[in-house]
Amino acid sequence: QLQASGGGLVQAGGSLRLSCVASGRTFSVMGWFRQAPKKEREFVAGFTGSGDRIDYRDPVKGRFTISRDNAKNTVYLQMNKLKPEDTAIYYCAAGGRLYEYWGQGTLVTVSS
């Protein structure tokens, strides 16, 4: 089970930190996706491969940072310099080598 939290309303240029706690087991692959209104879900950032490589979607590079605390089985997404186009429901996902399990999502709204 994946439990995401940390979403909210923030002004453009502001910051938020999302958290996702995995319970029941550990995962090599953990990451974040998002889905904006009327758009398809897209990858944002994640630990991929065997869990030792970090990938970011180009528009968030330099603004978002993903990290994980293995002792807490938690992955974080620090989002800085937020833009209105970052507005979306953010989903945590995890798995052994692929993103097989999904959390319920947390809403991030960035006002201009």
PDB file of N, CA and C in Angstrom:
ATOM      1  N   GLN A   1       0.846  -1.194   0.000  1.00  0.00           N
ATOM      2  CA  GLN A   1       0.000   0.000   0.000  1.00  0.00           C
ATOM      3  C   GLN A   1       0.879   1.241   0.000  1.00  0.00           C
ATOM      4  N   LEU A   2       0.466   2.213  -0.792  1.00  0.00           N
ATOM      5  CA  LEU A   2       1.207   3.460  -0.897  1.00  0.00           C
ATOM      6  C   LEU A   2       0.301   4.598  -0.432  1.00  0.00           C
ATOM      7  N   GLN A   3       0.811   5.404   0.465  1.00  0.00           N
ATOM      8  CA  GLN A   3       0.052   6.525   1.004  1.00  0.00           C
ATOM      9  C   GLN A   3       0.787   7.818   0.710  1.00  0.00           C
ATOM     10  N   ALA A   4       0.202   8.648  -0.157  1.00  0.00           N
ATOM     11  CA  ALA A   4       0.816   9.917  -0.534  1.00  0.00           C
ATOM     12  C   ALA A   4       0.195  11.052   0.259  1.00  0.00           C
ATOM     13  N   SER A   5       0.987  12.062   0.523  1.00  0.00           N
ATOM     14  CA  SER A   5       0.503  13.236   1.228  1.00  0.00           C
ATOM     15  C   SER A   5       1.374  14.431   0.878  1.00  0.00           C
ATOM     16  N   GLY A   6       0.935  15.620   1.295  1.00  0.00           N
ATOM     17  CA  GLY A   6       1.744  16.809   1.121  1.00  0.00           C
ATOM     18  C   GLY A   6       1.241  17.782   0.079  1.00  0.00           C
ATOM     19  N   GLY A   7       0.203  17.420  -0.643  1.00  0.00           N
ATOM     20  CA  GLY A   7      -0.333  18.333  -1.642  1.00  0.00           C
ATOM     21  C   GLY A   7      -1.011  19.531  -1.001  1.00  0.00           C
ATOM     22  N   GLY A   8      -1.348  20.500  -1.824  1.00  0.00           N
ATOM     23  CA  GLY A   8      -2.020  21.684  -1.309  1.00  0.00           C
ATOM     24  C   GLY A   8      -2.040  22.787  -2.342  1.00  0.00           C
ATOM     25  N   LEU A   9      -2.432  23.979  -1.877  1.00  0.00           N
ATOM     26  CA  LEU A   9      -2.500  25.169  -2.728  1.00  0.00           C
ATOM     27  C   LEU A   9      -1.296  26.053  -2.434  1.00  0.00           C
ATOM     28  N   VAL A  10      -0.614  26.459  -3.466  1.00  0.00           N
ATOM     29  CA  VAL A  10       0.565  27.297  -3.305  1.00  0.00           C
ATOM     30  C   VAL A  10       0.621  28.299  -4.444  1.00  0.00           C
ATOM     31  N   GLN A  11       1.205  29.451  -4.181  1.00  0.00           N
ATOM     32  CA  GLN A  11       1.371  30.445  -5.233  1.00  0.00           C
ATOM     33  C   GLN A  11       2.543  30.081  -6.129  1.00  0.00           C
ATOM     34  N   ALA A  12       2.497  30.574  -7.344  1.00  0.00           N
ATOM     35  CA  ALA A  12       3.602  30.357  -8.270  1.00  0.00           C
ATOM     36  C   ALA A  12       4.907  30.835  -7.639  1.00  0.00           C
ATOM     37  N   GLY A  13       5.943  30.031  -7.806  1.00  0.00           N
ATOM     38  CA  GLY A  13       7.229  30.337  -7.199  1.00  0.00           C
ATOM     39  C   GLY A  13       7.430  29.700  -5.848  1.00  0.00           C
ATOM     40  N   GLY A  14       6.372  29.154  -5.292  1.00  0.00           N
ATOM     41  CA  GLY A  14       6.439  28.536  -3.980  1.00  0.00           C
ATOM     42  C   GLY A  14       6.934  27.105  -4.031  1.00  0.00           C
ATOM     43  N   SER A  15       6.890  26.454  -2.866  1.00  0.00           N
ATOM     44  CA  SER A  15       7.414  25.099  -2.735  1.00  0.00           C
ATOM     45  C   SER A  15       6.434  24.206  -1.986  1.00  0.00           C
ATOM     46  N   LEU A  16       6.516  22.931  -2.294  1.00  0.00           N
ATOM     47  CA  LEU A  16       5.790  21.899  -1.566  1.00  0.00           C
ATOM     48  C   LEU A  16       6.669  20.667  -1.515  1.00  0.00           C
ATOM     49  N   ARG A  17       6.454  19.855  -0.496  1.00  0.00           N
ATOM     50  CA  ARG A  17       7.127  18.564  -0.433  1.00  0.00           C
ATOM     51  C   ARG A  17       6.086  17.460  -0.292  1.00  0.00           C
ATOM     52  N   LEU A  18       6.111  16.555  -1.226  1.00  0.00           N
ATOM     53  CA  LEU A  18       5.234  15.393  -1.192  1.00  0.00           C
ATOM     54  C   LEU A  18       5.956  14.224  -0.534  1.00  0.00           C
ATOM     55  N   SER A  19       5.177  13.418   0.155  1.00  0.00           N
ATOM     56  CA  SER A  19       5.712  12.221   0.786  1.00  0.00           C
ATOM     57  C   SER A  19       4.875  11.019   0.380  1.00  0.00           C
ATOM     58  N   CYS A  20       5.511   9.873   0.285  1.00  0.00           N
ATOM     59  CA  CYS A  20       4.810   8.638  -0.014  1.00  0.00           C
ATOM     60  C   CYS A  20       5.401   7.531   0.840  1.00  0.00           C
ATOM     61  N   VAL A  21       4.563   6.968   1.692  1.00  0.00           N
ATOM     62  CA  VAL A  21       5.000   5.894   2.569  1.00  0.00           C
ATOM     63  C   VAL A  21       4.505   4.572   2.010  1.00  0.00           C
ATOM     64  N   ALA A  22       5.421   3.630   1.881  1.00  0.00           N
ATOM     65  CA  ALA A  22       5.063   2.295   1.421  1.00  0.00           C
ATOM     66  C   ALA A  22       4.963   1.372   2.631  1.00  0.00           C
ATOM     67  N   SER A  23       3.882   0.636   2.698  1.00  0.00           N
ATOM     68  CA  SER A  23       3.720  -0.292   3.805  1.00  0.00           C
ATOM     69  C   SER A  23       3.585  -1.713   3.273  1.00  0.00           C
ATOM     70  N   GLY A  24       4.015  -2.646   4.052  1.00  0.00           N
ATOM     71  CA  GLY A  24       3.856  -4.046   3.687  1.00  0.00           C
ATOM     72  C   GLY A  24       5.052  -4.672   3.013  1.00  0.00           C
ATOM     73  N   ARG A  25       5.825  -3.874   2.302  1.00  0.00           N
ATOM     74  CA  ARG A  25       7.009  -4.394   1.636  1.00  0.00           C
ATOM     75  C   ARG A  25       7.881  -3.249   1.171  1.00  0.00           C
ATOM     76  N   THR A  26       9.095  -3.591   0.776  1.00  0.00           N
ATOM     77  CA  THR A  26       9.987  -2.580   0.219  1.00  0.00           C
ATOM     78  C   THR A  26       9.985  -2.694  -1.297  1.00  0.00           C
ATOM     79  N   PHE A  27      10.298  -1.595  -1.950  1.00  0.00           N
ATOM     80  CA  PHE A  27      10.301  -1.548  -3.406  1.00  0.00           C
ATOM     81  C   PHE A  27      11.622  -0.973  -3.910  1.00  0.00           C
ATOM     82  N   SER A  28      12.116  -1.537  -5.005  1.00  0.00           N
ATOM     83  CA  SER A  28      13.311  -0.968  -5.623  1.00  0.00           C
ATOM     84  C   SER A  28      12.964   0.290  -6.390  1.00  0.00           C
ATOM     85  N   VAL A  29      11.873   0.215  -7.129  1.00  0.00           N
ATOM     86  CA  VAL A  29      11.452   1.324  -7.970  1.00  0.00           C
ATOM     87  C   VAL A  29      10.359   2.117  -7.250  1.00  0.00           C
ATOM     88  N   MET A  30      10.607   3.399  -7.068  1.00  0.00           N
ATOM     89  CA  MET A  30       9.605   4.285  -6.466  1.00  0.00           C
ATOM     90  C   MET A  30       9.662   5.618  -7.178  1.00  0.00           C
ATOM     91  N   GLY A  31       8.530   6.202  -7.422  1.00  0.00           N
ATOM     92  CA  GLY A  31       8.530   7.468  -8.120  1.00  0.00           C
ATOM     93  C   GLY A  31       7.204   8.189  -8.074  1.00  0.00           C
ATOM     94  N   TRP A  32       7.151   9.259  -8.842  1.00  0.00           N
ATOM     95  CA  TRP A  32       5.973  10.124  -8.882  1.00  0.00           C
ATOM     96  C   TRP A  32       5.510  10.347 -10.318  1.00  0.00           C
ATOM     97  N   PHE A  33       4.197  10.320 -10.467  1.00  0.00           N
ATOM     98  CA  PHE A  33       3.547  10.667 -11.716  1.00  0.00           C
ATOM     99  C   PHE A  33       2.546  11.777 -11.411  1.00  0.00           C
ATOM    100  N   ARG A  34       2.039  12.407 -12.449  1.00  0.00           N
ATOM    101  CA  ARG A  34       1.004  13.415 -12.238  1.00  0.00           C
ATOM    102  C   ARG A  34       0.024  13.394 -13.393  1.00  0.00           C
ATOM    103  N   GLN A  35      -1.176  13.852 -13.092  1.00  0.00           N
ATOM    104  CA  GLN A  35      -2.207  13.951 -14.117  1.00  0.00           C
ATOM    105  C   GLN A  35      -2.933  15.271 -13.957  1.00  0.00           C
ATOM    106  N   ALA A  36      -2.768  16.128 -14.950  1.00  0.00           N
ATOM    107  CA  ALA A  36      -3.450  17.412 -14.972  1.00  0.00           C
ATOM    108  C   ALA A  36      -4.839  17.234 -15.582  1.00  0.00           C
ATOM    109  N   PRO A  37      -5.741  18.173 -15.340  1.00  0.00           N
ATOM    110  CA  PRO A  37      -7.095  18.077 -15.910  1.00  0.00           C
ATOM    111  C   PRO A  37      -7.054  17.922 -17.424  1.00  0.00           C
ATOM    112  N   LYS A  38      -7.784  16.953 -17.909  1.00  0.00           N
ATOM    113  CA  LYS A  38      -7.932  16.702 -19.341  1.00  0.00           C
ATOM    114  C   LYS A  38      -6.624  16.286 -20.008  1.00  0.00           C
ATOM    115  N   LYS A  39      -5.686  15.813 -19.230  1.00  0.00           N
ATOM    116  CA  LYS A  39      -4.415  15.343 -19.783  1.00  0.00           C
ATOM    117  C   LYS A  39      -4.132  13.934 -19.292  1.00  0.00           C
ATOM    118  N   GLU A  40      -3.234  13.262 -19.991  1.00  0.00           N
ATOM    119  CA  GLU A  40      -2.869  11.913 -19.597  1.00  0.00           C
ATOM    120  C   GLU A  40      -1.872  11.965 -18.438  1.00  0.00           C
ATOM    121  N   ARG A  41      -1.842  10.873 -17.706  1.00  0.00           N
ATOM    122  CA  ARG A  41      -0.880  10.766 -16.617  1.00  0.00           C
ATOM    123  C   ARG A  41       0.528  10.727 -17.196  1.00  0.00           C
ATOM    124  N   GLU A  42       1.445  11.441 -16.534  1.00  0.00           N
ATOM    125  CA  GLU A  42       2.821  11.494 -17.027  1.00  0.00           C
ATOM    126  C   GLU A  42       3.807  11.278 -15.894  1.00  0.00           C
ATOM    127  N   PHE A  43       4.929  10.729 -16.256  1.00  0.00           N
ATOM    128  CA  PHE A  43       6.019  10.507 -15.307  1.00  0.00           C
ATOM    129  C   PHE A  43       6.618  11.845 -14.893  1.00  0.00           C
ATOM    130  N   VAL A  44       6.952  11.967 -13.599  1.00  0.00           N
ATOM    131  CA  VAL A  44       7.577  13.196 -13.105  1.00  0.00           C
ATOM    132  C   VAL A  44       9.017  12.933 -12.670  1.00  0.00           C
ATOM    133  N   ALA A  45       9.179  11.994 -11.770  1.00  0.00           N
ATOM    134  CA  ALA A  45      10.518  11.694 -11.244  1.00  0.00           C
ATOM    135  C   ALA A  45      10.471  10.330 -10.575  1.00  0.00           C
ATOM    136  N   GLY A  46      11.628   9.651 -10.564  1.00  0.00           N
ATOM    137  CA  GLY A  46      11.613   8.352  -9.925  1.00  0.00           C
ATOM    138  C   GLY A  46      12.962   7.700  -9.823  1.00  0.00           C
ATOM    139  N   PHE A  47      13.041   6.749  -8.899  1.00  0.00           N
ATOM    140  CA  PHE A  47      14.181   5.852  -8.790  1.00  0.00           C
ATOM    141  C   PHE A  47      13.850   4.675  -9.679  1.00  0.00           C
ATOM    142  N   THR A  48      14.615   4.454 -10.711  1.00  0.00           N
ATOM    143  CA  THR A  48      14.278   3.446 -11.708  1.00  0.00           C
ATOM    144  C   THR A  48      15.376   2.399 -11.813  1.00  0.00           C
ATOM    145  N   GLY A  49      15.221   1.514 -12.783  1.00  0.00           N
ATOM    146  CA  GLY A  49      16.182   0.428 -12.942  1.00  0.00           C
ATOM    147  C   GLY A  49      16.148  -0.472 -11.723  1.00  0.00           C
ATOM    148  N   SER A  50      17.245  -0.617 -11.066  1.00  0.00           N
ATOM    149  CA  SER A  50      17.306  -1.394  -9.829  1.00  0.00           C
ATOM    150  C   SER A  50      17.079  -0.505  -8.615  1.00  0.00           C
ATOM    151  N   GLY A  51      16.656   0.708  -8.874  1.00  0.00           N
ATOM    152  CA  GLY A  51      16.395   1.653  -7.804  1.00  0.00           C
ATOM    153  C   GLY A  51      17.550   2.577  -7.513  1.00  0.00           C
ATOM    154  N   ASP A  52      18.601   2.463  -8.315  1.00  0.00           N
ATOM    155  CA  ASP A  52      19.787   3.273  -8.067  1.00  0.00           C
ATOM    156  C   ASP A  52      19.990   4.369  -9.100  1.00  0.00           C
ATOM    157  N   ARG A  53      19.051   4.516 -10.003  1.00  0.00           N
ATOM    158  CA  ARG A  53      19.122   5.575 -10.998  1.00  0.00           C
ATOM    159  C   ARG A  53      17.938   6.514 -10.790  1.00  0.00           C
ATOM    160  N   ILE A  54      18.210   7.801 -10.931  1.00  0.00           N
ATOM    161  CA  ILE A  54      17.156   8.798 -10.772  1.00  0.00           C
ATOM    162  C   ILE A  54      16.871   9.435 -12.127  1.00  0.00           C
ATOM    163  N   ASP A  55      15.604   9.490 -12.473  1.00  0.00           N
ATOM    164  CA  ASP A  55      15.183  10.130 -13.710  1.00  0.00           C
ATOM    165  C   ASP A  55      14.190  11.243 -13.388  1.00  0.00           C
ATOM    166  N   TYR A  56      14.222  12.276 -14.198  1.00  0.00           N
ATOM    167  CA  TYR A  56      13.286  13.387 -14.082  1.00  0.00           C
ATOM    168  C   TYR A  56      12.693  13.713 -15.447  1.00  0.00           C
ATOM    169  N   ARG A  57      11.460  14.168 -15.403  1.00  0.00           N
ATOM    170  CA  ARG A  57      10.869  14.702 -16.613  1.00  0.00           C
ATOM    171  C   ARG A  57      11.536  16.048 -16.888  1.00  0.00           C
ATOM    172  N   ASP A  58      11.790  16.347 -18.146  1.00  0.00           N
ATOM    173  CA  ASP A  58      12.556  17.548 -18.475  1.00  0.00           C
ATOM    174  C   ASP A  58      12.000  18.836 -17.861  1.00  0.00           C
ATOM    175  N   PRO A  59      10.701  19.103 -17.909  1.00  0.00           N
ATOM    176  CA  PRO A  59      10.195  20.383 -17.395  1.00  0.00           C
ATOM    177  C   PRO A  59      10.408  20.589 -15.897  1.00  0.00           C
ATOM    178  N   VAL A  60      10.707  19.516 -15.153  1.00  0.00           N
ATOM    179  CA  VAL A  60      10.879  19.682 -13.712  1.00  0.00           C
ATOM    180  C   VAL A  60      12.338  19.626 -13.290  1.00  0.00           C
ATOM    181  N   LYS A  61      13.216  19.331 -14.226  1.00  0.00           N
ATOM    182  CA  LYS A  61      14.638  19.263 -13.891  1.00  0.00           C
ATOM    183  C   LYS A  61      15.115  20.609 -13.356  1.00  0.00           C
ATOM    184  N   GLY A  62      15.859  20.556 -12.271  1.00  0.00           N
ATOM    185  CA  GLY A  62      16.357  21.773 -11.659  1.00  0.00           C
ATOM    186  C   GLY A  62      15.393  22.414 -10.682  1.00  0.00           C
ATOM    187  N   ARG A  63      14.143  21.950 -10.687  1.00  0.00           N
ATOM    188  CA  ARG A  63      13.136  22.497  -9.753  1.00  0.00           C
ATOM    189  C   ARG A  63      12.654  21.447  -8.760  1.00  0.00           C
ATOM    190  N   PHE A  64      12.549  20.217  -9.200  1.00  0.00           N
ATOM    191  CA  PHE A  64      12.069  19.125  -8.343  1.00  0.00           C
ATOM    192  C   PHE A  64      13.240  18.222  -7.969  1.00  0.00           C
ATOM    193  N   THR A  65      13.178  17.694  -6.763  1.00  0.00           N
ATOM    194  CA  THR A  65      14.188  16.749  -6.298  1.00  0.00           C
ATOM    195  C   THR A  65      13.505  15.572  -5.627  1.00  0.00           C
ATOM    196  N   ILE A  66      13.818  14.375  -6.094  1.00  0.00           N
ATOM    197  CA  ILE A  66      13.278  13.175  -5.475  1.00  0.00           C
ATOM    198  C   ILE A  66      14.320  12.588  -4.537  1.00  0.00           C
ATOM    199  N   SER A  67      13.854  12.080  -3.421  1.00  0.00           N
ATOM    200  CA  SER A  67      14.762  11.445  -2.470  1.00  0.00           C
ATOM    201  C   SER A  67      13.998  10.315  -1.772  1.00  0.00           C
ATOM    202  N   ARG A  68      14.740   9.472  -1.082  1.00  0.00           N
ATOM    203  CA  ARG A  68      14.080   8.386  -0.380  1.00  0.00           C
ATOM    204  C   ARG A  68      14.773   8.098   0.936  1.00  0.00           C
ATOM    205  N   ASP A  69      13.993   7.633   1.875  1.00  0.00           N
ATOM    206  CA  ASP A  69      14.504   7.209   3.170  1.00  0.00           C
ATOM    207  C   ASP A  69      14.145   5.738   3.301  1.00  0.00           C
ATOM    208  N   ASN A  70      15.107   4.878   3.056  1.00  0.00           N
ATOM    209  CA  ASN A  70      14.831   3.442   3.049  1.00  0.00           C
ATOM    210  C   ASN A  70      14.425   2.932   4.425  1.00  0.00           C
ATOM    211  N   ALA A  71      14.953   3.552   5.464  1.00  0.00           N
ATOM    212  CA  ALA A  71      14.598   3.127   6.818  1.00  0.00           C
ATOM    213  C   ALA A  71      13.108   3.361   7.096  1.00  0.00           C
ATOM    214  N   LYS A  72      12.564   4.399   6.480  1.00  0.00           N
ATOM    215  CA  LYS A  72      11.143   4.729   6.664  1.00  0.00           C
ATOM    216  C   LYS A  72      10.288   4.236   5.497  1.00  0.00           C
ATOM    217  N   ASN A  73      10.948   3.614   4.517  1.00  0.00           N
ATOM    218  CA  ASN A  73      10.237   3.140   3.323  1.00  0.00           C
ATOM    219  C   ASN A  73       9.408   4.256   2.694  1.00  0.00           C
ATOM    220  N   THR A  74      10.044   5.407   2.573  1.00  0.00           N
ATOM    221  CA  THR A  74       9.349   6.612   2.126  1.00  0.00           C
ATOM    222  C   THR A  74      10.120   7.284   1.000  1.00  0.00           C
ATOM    223  N   VAL A  75       9.402   7.791   0.031  1.00  0.00           N
ATOM    224  CA  VAL A  75       9.991   8.580  -1.040  1.00  0.00           C
ATOM    225  C   VAL A  75       9.382   9.985  -0.977  1.00  0.00           C
ATOM    226  N   TYR A  76      10.216  10.965  -1.254  1.00  0.00           N
ATOM    227  CA  TYR A  76       9.809  12.362  -1.186  1.00  0.00           C
ATOM    228  C   TYR A  76       9.969  13.029  -2.548  1.00  0.00           C
ATOM    229  N   LEU A  77       9.190  14.066  -2.752  1.00  0.00           N
ATOM    230  CA  LEU A  77       9.363  14.906  -3.932  1.00  0.00           C
ATOM    231  C   LEU A  77       9.343  16.355  -3.470  1.00  0.00           C
ATOM    232  N   GLN A  78      10.521  16.960  -3.453  1.00  0.00           N
ATOM    233  CA  GLN A  78      10.622  18.375  -3.113  1.00  0.00           C
ATOM    234  C   GLN A  78      10.405  19.181  -4.386  1.00  0.00           C
ATOM    235  N   MET A  79       9.399  20.023  -4.365  1.00  0.00           N
ATOM    236  CA  MET A  79       9.045  20.797  -5.551  1.00  0.00           C
ATOM    237  C   MET A  79       9.249  22.280  -5.245  1.00  0.00           C
ATOM    238  N   ASN A  80      10.190  22.880  -5.948  1.00  0.00           N
ATOM    239  CA  ASN A  80      10.499  24.305  -5.787  1.00  0.00           C
ATOM    240  C   ASN A  80      10.149  25.052  -7.057  1.00  0.00           C
ATOM    241  N   LYS A  81      10.050  26.349  -6.935  1.00  0.00           N
ATOM    242  CA  LYS A  81       9.758  27.211  -8.082  1.00  0.00           C
ATOM    243  C   LYS A  81       8.554  26.683  -8.853  1.00  0.00           C
ATOM    244  N   LEU A  82       7.497  26.385  -8.148  1.00  0.00           N
ATOM    245  CA  LEU A  82       6.324  25.810  -8.775  1.00  0.00           C
ATOM    246  C   LEU A  82       5.669  26.770  -9.752  1.00  0.00           C
ATOM    247  N   LYS A  83       5.121  26.186 -10.797  1.00  0.00           N
ATOM    248  CA  LYS A  83       4.466  26.951 -11.859  1.00  0.00           C
ATOM    249  C   LYS A  83       3.008  26.505 -11.966  1.00  0.00           C
ATOM    250  N   PRO A  84       2.149  27.350 -12.501  1.00  0.00           N
ATOM    251  CA  PRO A  84       0.741  26.945 -12.668  1.00  0.00           C
ATOM    252  C   PRO A  84       0.601  25.652 -13.466  1.00  0.00           C
ATOM    253  N   GLU A  85       1.496  25.415 -14.408  1.00  0.00           N
ATOM    254  CA  GLU A  85       1.412  24.198 -15.211  1.00  0.00           C
ATOM    255  C   GLU A  85       1.815  22.948 -14.428  1.00  0.00           C
ATOM    256  N   ASP A  86       2.280  23.111 -13.208  1.00  0.00           N
ATOM    257  CA  ASP A  86       2.545  21.962 -12.344  1.00  0.00           C
ATOM    258  C   ASP A  86       1.280  21.489 -11.637  1.00  0.00           C
ATOM    259  N   THR A  87       0.210  22.222 -11.787  1.00  0.00           N
ATOM    260  CA  THR A  87      -1.060  21.844 -11.160  1.00  0.00           C
ATOM    261  C   THR A  87      -1.519  20.493 -11.676  1.00  0.00           C
ATOM    262  N   ALA A  88      -1.758  19.560 -10.753  1.00  0.00           N
ATOM    263  CA  ALA A  88      -2.147  18.195 -11.130  1.00  0.00           C
ATOM    264  C   ALA A  88      -2.392  17.378  -9.870  1.00  0.00           C
ATOM    265  N   ILE A  89      -2.944  16.206 -10.077  1.00  0.00           N
ATOM    266  CA  ILE A  89      -2.950  15.204  -9.017  1.00  0.00           C
ATOM    267  C   ILE A  89      -1.653  14.429  -9.148  1.00  0.00           C
ATOM    268  N   TYR A  90      -0.914  14.344  -8.067  1.00  0.00           N
ATOM    269  CA  TYR A  90       0.359  13.645  -8.060  1.00  0.00           C
ATOM    270  C   TYR A  90       0.178  12.265  -7.428  1.00  0.00           C
ATOM    271  N   TYR A  91       0.660  11.261  -8.147  1.00  0.00           N
ATOM    272  CA  TYR A  91       0.524   9.885  -7.704  1.00  0.00           C
ATOM    273  C   TYR A  91       1.894   9.288  -7.396  1.00  0.00           C
ATOM    274  N   CYS A  92       1.941   8.579  -6.309  1.00  0.00           N
ATOM    275  CA  CYS A  92       3.114   7.805  -5.975  1.00  0.00           C
ATOM    276  C   CYS A  92       2.961   6.416  -6.595  1.00  0.00           C
ATOM    277  N   ALA A  93       4.052   5.867  -7.109  1.00  0.00           N
ATOM    278  CA  ALA A  93       4.014   4.530  -7.691  1.00  0.00           C
ATOM    279  C   ALA A  93       5.273   3.777  -7.298  1.00  0.00           C
ATOM    280  N   ALA A  94       5.176   2.456  -7.291  1.00  0.00           N
ATOM    281  CA  ALA A  94       6.314   1.652  -6.865  1.00  0.00           C
ATOM    282  C   ALA A  94       6.219   0.248  -7.449  1.00  0.00           C
ATOM    283  N   GLY A  95       7.336  -0.461  -7.375  1.00  0.00           N
ATOM    284  CA  GLY A  95       7.342  -1.823  -7.852  1.00  0.00           C
ATOM    285  C   GLY A  95       8.718  -2.435  -7.740  1.00  0.00           C
ATOM    286  N   GLY A  96       8.841  -3.681  -8.285  1.00  0.00           N
ATOM    287  CA  GLY A  96      10.129  -4.342  -8.269  1.00  0.00           C
ATOM    288  C   GLY A  96      11.049  -3.781  -9.335  1.00  0.00           C
ATOM    289  N   ARG A  97      10.593  -3.781 -10.571  1.00  0.00           N
ATOM    290  CA  ARG A  97      11.347  -3.178 -11.674  1.00  0.00           C
ATOM    291  C   ARG A  97      10.482  -2.242 -12.492  1.00  0.00           C
ATOM    292  N   LEU A  98       9.180  -2.403 -12.372  1.00  0.00           N
ATOM    293  CA  LEU A  98       8.226  -1.531 -13.060  1.00  0.00           C
ATOM    294  C   LEU A  98       7.291  -0.910 -12.022  1.00  0.00           C
ATOM    295  N   TYR A  99       6.572   0.113 -12.445  1.00  0.00           N
ATOM    296  CA  TYR A  99       5.622   0.760 -11.531  1.00  0.00           C
ATOM    297  C   TYR A  99       4.324  -0.061 -11.529  1.00  0.00           C
ATOM    298  N   GLU A 100       4.220  -0.969 -10.546  1.00  0.00           N
ATOM    299  CA  GLU A 100       3.089  -1.892 -10.501  1.00  0.00           C
ATOM    300  C   GLU A 100       2.012  -1.460  -9.518  1.00  0.00           C
ATOM    301  N   TYR A 101       2.407  -0.708  -8.526  1.00  0.00           N
ATOM    302  CA  TYR A 101       1.494  -0.335  -7.464  1.00  0.00           C
ATOM    303  C   TYR A 101       1.355   1.181  -7.420  1.00  0.00           C
ATOM    304  N   TRP A 102       0.125   1.632  -7.111  1.00  0.00           N
ATOM    305  CA  TRP A 102      -0.172   3.054  -7.163  1.00  0.00           C
ATOM    306  C   TRP A 102      -0.850   3.513  -5.880  1.00  0.00           C
ATOM    307  N   GLY A 103      -0.498   4.722  -5.475  1.00  0.00           N
ATOM    308  CA  GLY A 103      -1.169   5.347  -4.353  1.00  0.00           C
ATOM    309  C   GLY A 103      -2.406   6.096  -4.822  1.00  0.00           C
ATOM    310  N   GLN A 104      -3.066   6.759  -3.888  1.00  0.00           N
ATOM    311  CA  GLN A 104      -4.358   7.372  -4.197  1.00  0.00           C
ATOM    312  C   GLN A 104      -4.246   8.770  -4.801  1.00  0.00           C
ATOM    313  N   GLY A 105      -3.083   9.366  -4.756  1.00  0.00           N
ATOM    314  CA  GLY A 105      -2.909  10.693  -5.333  1.00  0.00           C
ATOM    315  C   GLY A 105      -3.101  11.810  -4.336  1.00  0.00           C
ATOM    316  N   THR A 106      -2.387  12.896  -4.565  1.00  0.00           N
ATOM    317  CA  THR A 106      -2.525  14.095  -3.746  1.00  0.00           C
ATOM    318  C   THR A 106      -2.544  15.301  -4.685  1.00  0.00           C
ATOM    319  N   LEU A 107      -3.475  16.216  -4.442  1.00  0.00           N
ATOM    320  CA  LEU A 107      -3.694  17.329  -5.357  1.00  0.00           C
ATOM    321  C   LEU A 107      -2.747  18.481  -5.071  1.00  0.00           C
ATOM    322  N   VAL A 108      -2.092  18.939  -6.111  1.00  0.00           N
ATOM    323  CA  VAL A 108      -1.236  20.120  -6.045  1.00  0.00           C
ATOM    324  C   VAL A 108      -1.841  21.184  -6.946  1.00  0.00           C
ATOM    325  N   THR A 109      -2.118  22.349  -6.377  1.00  0.00           N
ATOM    326  CA  THR A 109      -2.677  23.450  -7.140  1.00  0.00           C
ATOM    327  C   THR A 109      -1.767  24.651  -6.998  1.00  0.00           C
ATOM    328  N   VAL A 110      -1.298  25.158  -8.135  1.00  0.00           N
ATOM    329  CA  VAL A 110      -0.397  26.302  -8.147  1.00  0.00           C
ATOM    330  C   VAL A 110      -1.140  27.476  -8.766  1.00  0.00           C
ATOM    331  N   SER A 111      -1.323  28.515  -7.989  1.00  0.00           N
ATOM    332  CA  SER A 111      -2.033  29.691  -8.479  1.00  0.00           C
ATOM    333  C   SER A 111      -1.060  30.702  -9.066  1.00  0.00           C
ATOM    334  N   SER A 112      -1.524  31.420 -10.055  1.00  0.00           N
ATOM    335  CA  SER A 112      -0.659  32.403 -10.735  1.00  0.00           C
ATOM    336  C   SER A 112      -0.756  33.771 -10.070  1.00  0.00           C
TER     337      SER A 112
END
